[in-house]
Amino acid sequence: WRHLDEQAFFSAQWNTALELFRADSDIFFHIQADAWTADFKQLFHLASTAFTDGRVGVYEPSVDYSSMRYDTSRLKPAGEGLFEFPVTDCTCWFIGREILKDFQPFDLKASTYGWGVCPVMSALCKIHGRLCVRDYRLTVSHPQSRGYSTDEAKREKKLYLRQLRPDVRKAVETVMKQSRALRP
């Protein structure tokens, strides 16, 4: 457990979590502090099952409040209760080591709020030939409010995405286009 100061928003928290991730671990689990589920045992069971065949790069449960909502009738099934989706929601997720090790940490001078992590992880899955899946059998609760400026977070996201290496930038554009097409 590592305590960070009150000014350590998502970017600093994420970079710290990456530093603490053990090289001998296959899957990284992350849940935001304001998210919760009554059934962590089921969450971990479903996630570990999803990773067994080697196709999944990112697994996440459904989140009751998320800006990444999709029309499930248009999503491709990926197993029992699982659907492929173009852009993840970082509220609660499990990430395979091969995807995570390719993630470029945030420059904390340019990014405080960490917006952009979701399309980048999705893009890295695409680059590595892995799936992003959402599991609609379990829902994690998440409040609809945030304690920072959405406009500032959007500005930082644009800057962050511009500094990515070209193959990741191109893959981000692809997954974002797919995401917009699948929204309800």
Protein backbone atom coordinates (compact mmCIF):
# COMPACT_ATOMS: atom_id res chain seq x y z
CA TRP A 1 0.00 0.00 0.00
CA ARG A 2 1.44 3.36 -0.97
CA HIS A 3 -0.11 6.64 0.20
CA LEU A 4 0.03 9.55 -2.23
CA ASP A 5 -0.85 13.15 -1.47
CA GLU A 6 -4.24 14.67 -2.26
CA GLN A 7 -2.89 16.21 -5.48
CA ALA A 8 -2.06 12.78 -6.91
CA PHE A 9 -4.88 12.27 -9.37
CA PHE A 10 -5.13 9.34 -11.80
CA SER A 11 -1.84 9.90 -13.68
CA ALA A 12 0.33 9.83 -10.55
CA GLN A 13 -1.66 6.95 -9.09
CA TRP A 14 -1.38 5.00 -12.35
CA ASN A 15 2.37 5.56 -12.69
CA THR A 16 2.85 4.41 -9.08
CA ALA A 17 0.75 1.30 -9.68
CA LEU A 18 2.85 0.48 -12.74
CA GLU A 19 6.02 0.82 -10.68
CA LEU A 20 4.61 -1.57 -8.06
CA PHE A 21 3.43 -4.19 -10.58
CA ARG A 22 5.51 -7.33 -10.08
CA ALA A 23 7.26 -8.71 -13.14
CA ASP A 24 6.23 -12.25 -12.20
CA SER A 25 2.52 -11.35 -12.31
CA ASP A 26 0.52 -12.14 -15.42
CA ILE A 27 -2.46 -9.89 -14.77
CA PHE A 28 -2.71 -6.40 -13.33
CA PHE A 29 -5.91 -5.51 -11.41
CA HIS A 30 -6.97 -1.92 -10.88
CA ILE A 31 -10.17 -0.46 -9.42
CA GLN A 32 -10.70 3.22 -8.79
CA ALA A 33 -11.16 4.26 -5.17
CA ASP A 34 -14.72 5.46 -5.73
CA ALA A 35 -15.87 2.21 -7.39
CA TRP A 36 -17.15 -0.88 -5.59
CA THR A 37 -18.76 -4.27 -5.93
CA ALA A 38 -20.39 -6.49 -3.35
CA ASP A 39 -18.83 -9.59 -4.94
CA PHE A 40 -15.07 -9.39 -5.41
CA LYS A 41 -14.83 -13.17 -5.29
CA GLN A 42 -17.05 -13.46 -8.38
CA LEU A 43 -15.22 -10.57 -10.07
CA PHE A 44 -11.86 -12.31 -9.69
CA HIS A 45 -13.29 -15.65 -10.79
CA LEU A 46 -14.82 -14.18 -13.96
CA ALA A 47 -11.66 -12.24 -14.78
CA SER A 48 -9.32 -15.21 -14.33
CA THR A 49 -11.60 -17.35 -16.49
CA ALA A 50 -11.58 -14.72 -19.25
CA PHE A 51 -7.78 -14.80 -19.47
CA THR A 52 -7.44 -18.60 -19.73
CA ASP A 53 -7.40 -18.93 -23.52
CA GLY A 54 -4.78 -16.23 -24.20
CA ARG A 55 -7.00 -14.05 -26.40
CA VAL A 56 -7.86 -11.37 -23.83
CA GLY A 57 -5.65 -8.35 -23.17
CA VAL A 58 -8.10 -6.33 -21.06
CA TYR A 59 -11.08 -7.62 -19.07
CA GLU A 60 -13.59 -5.44 -17.29
CA PRO A 61 -16.97 -5.92 -15.70
CA SER A 62 -19.90 -3.73 -16.60
CA VAL A 63 -19.87 -0.38 -14.79
CA ASP A 64 -23.18 1.20 -13.82
CA TYR A 65 -21.96 4.66 -14.77
CA SER A 66 -19.48 4.91 -17.61
CA SER A 67 -18.98 7.24 -20.54
CA MET A 68 -18.04 4.14 -22.57
CA ARG A 69 -21.50 2.74 -23.23
CA TYR A 70 -22.21 0.52 -26.22
CA ASP A 71 -25.21 -1.01 -27.91
CA THR A 72 -24.67 -4.64 -26.85
CA SER A 73 -26.75 -5.91 -29.77
CA ARG A 74 -23.98 -4.61 -32.05
CA LEU A 75 -21.04 -5.99 -30.06
CA LYS A 76 -19.34 -9.24 -31.02
CA PRO A 77 -19.75 -12.00 -28.40
CA ALA A 78 -16.46 -13.27 -26.98
CA GLY A 79 -17.68 -15.97 -24.59
CA GLU A 80 -20.33 -16.43 -21.94
CA GLY A 81 -21.43 -12.93 -20.89
CA LEU A 82 -18.40 -11.39 -22.64
CA PHE A 83 -18.40 -8.96 -25.52
CA GLU A 84 -15.57 -7.43 -27.50
CA PHE A 85 -15.58 -3.66 -27.33
CA PRO A 86 -13.41 -0.97 -28.87
CA VAL A 87 -12.46 1.26 -25.90
CA THR A 88 -12.17 0.23 -22.28
CA ASP A 89 -13.36 2.02 -19.16
CA CYS A 90 -10.63 2.23 -16.54
CA THR A 91 -13.00 2.20 -13.56
CA CYS A 92 -12.31 -1.47 -12.85
CA TRP A 93 -10.18 -3.61 -15.12
CA PHE A 94 -7.68 -6.43 -15.43
CA ILE A 95 -4.82 -6.01 -17.90
CA GLY A 96 -2.49 -8.66 -19.25
CA ARG A 97 1.21 -8.15 -18.61
CA GLU A 98 2.15 -8.01 -22.30
CA ILE A 99 -0.24 -5.08 -22.81
CA LEU A 100 0.75 -3.26 -19.65
CA LYS A 101 4.49 -3.48 -20.27
CA ASP A 102 4.01 -1.63 -23.57
CA PHE A 103 2.26 1.32 -21.87
CA GLN A 104 4.26 4.55 -21.75
CA PRO A 105 3.89 6.13 -18.27
CA PHE A 106 2.29 9.56 -18.01
CA ASP A 107 4.44 12.67 -18.03
CA LEU A 108 3.13 14.18 -14.79
CA LYS A 109 4.05 17.69 -15.90
CA ALA A 110 1.63 17.36 -18.83
CA SER A 111 -1.04 14.98 -17.49
CA THR A 112 -2.66 15.12 -14.08
CA TYR A 113 -5.97 13.39 -14.70
CA GLY A 114 -4.87 10.49 -16.88
CA TRP A 115 -7.48 10.82 -19.57
CA GLY A 116 -6.36 8.83 -22.59
CA VAL A 117 -5.36 5.67 -20.73
CA CYS A 118 -8.50 3.86 -21.93
CA PRO A 119 -8.06 4.27 -25.70
CA VAL A 120 -4.32 3.65 -25.36
CA MET A 121 -4.84 0.31 -23.57
CA SER A 122 -7.42 -0.62 -26.20
CA ALA A 123 -4.98 0.38 -28.96
CA LEU A 124 -2.22 -1.69 -27.37
CA CYS A 125 -4.56 -4.70 -27.32
CA LYS A 126 -5.19 -4.18 -31.03
CA ILE A 127 -1.42 -3.93 -31.71
CA HIS A 128 -0.77 -7.13 -29.73
CA GLY A 129 -3.68 -9.02 -31.31
CA ARG A 130 -5.58 -9.26 -28.02
CA LEU A 131 -9.21 -8.54 -27.19
CA CYS A 132 -10.76 -5.97 -24.89
CA VAL A 133 -13.79 -7.62 -23.32
CA ARG A 134 -16.57 -6.41 -21.09
CA ASP A 135 -18.46 -8.84 -18.89
CA TYR A 136 -22.13 -8.01 -18.46
CA ARG A 137 -22.67 -10.72 -15.81
CA LEU A 138 -21.30 -8.50 -13.04
CA THR A 139 -21.71 -4.76 -12.50
CA VAL A 140 -19.39 -2.49 -10.54
CA SER A 141 -20.88 0.70 -9.08
CA HIS A 142 -19.31 4.07 -9.82
CA PRO A 143 -20.56 7.59 -9.03
CA GLN A 144 -21.35 10.00 -11.85
CA SER A 145 -19.40 12.94 -10.44
CA ARG A 146 -15.73 13.85 -10.49
CA GLY A 147 -13.67 16.21 -8.36
CA TYR A 148 -11.81 18.01 -11.16
CA SER A 149 -12.35 19.98 -14.35
CA THR A 150 -13.60 17.89 -17.28
CA ASP A 151 -12.45 20.59 -19.73
CA GLU A 152 -8.91 20.51 -18.31
CA ALA A 153 -8.87 16.70 -18.45
CA LYS A 154 -9.96 16.79 -22.12
CA ARG A 155 -7.21 19.31 -22.93
CA GLU A 156 -4.60 17.11 -21.25
CA LYS A 157 -5.89 14.04 -23.11
CA LYS A 158 -5.37 15.72 -26.49
CA LEU A 159 -1.78 16.60 -25.55
CA TYR A 160 -1.12 13.11 -24.18
CA LEU A 161 -2.41 11.34 -27.28
CA ARG A 162 -0.31 13.57 -29.58
CA GLN A 163 2.94 12.48 -27.91
CA LEU A 164 2.38 8.74 -28.41
CA ARG A 165 4.50 6.73 -30.81
CA PRO A 166 2.97 6.65 -34.33
CA ASP A 167 1.68 3.05 -34.31
CA VAL A 168 -0.14 3.61 -31.02
CA ARG A 169 -1.55 6.95 -32.21
CA LYS A 170 -2.90 5.27 -35.36
CA ALA A 171 -4.43 2.40 -33.35
CA VAL A 172 -6.01 4.92 -30.94
CA GLU A 173 -7.65 6.67 -33.90
CA THR A 174 -9.00 3.30 -35.10
CA VAL A 175 -10.47 2.24 -31.76
CA MET A 176 -11.98 5.68 -31.14
CA LYS A 177 -13.68 5.58 -34.56
CA GLN A 178 -15.04 2.10 -33.77
CA SER A 179 -16.20 3.34 -30.36
CA ARG A 180 -18.16 6.24 -31.83
CA ALA A 181 -19.84 3.88 -34.34
CA LEU A 182 -21.04 1.50 -31.60
CA ARG A 183 -22.52 4.04 -29.21
CA PRO A 184 -26.28 3.81 -28.62
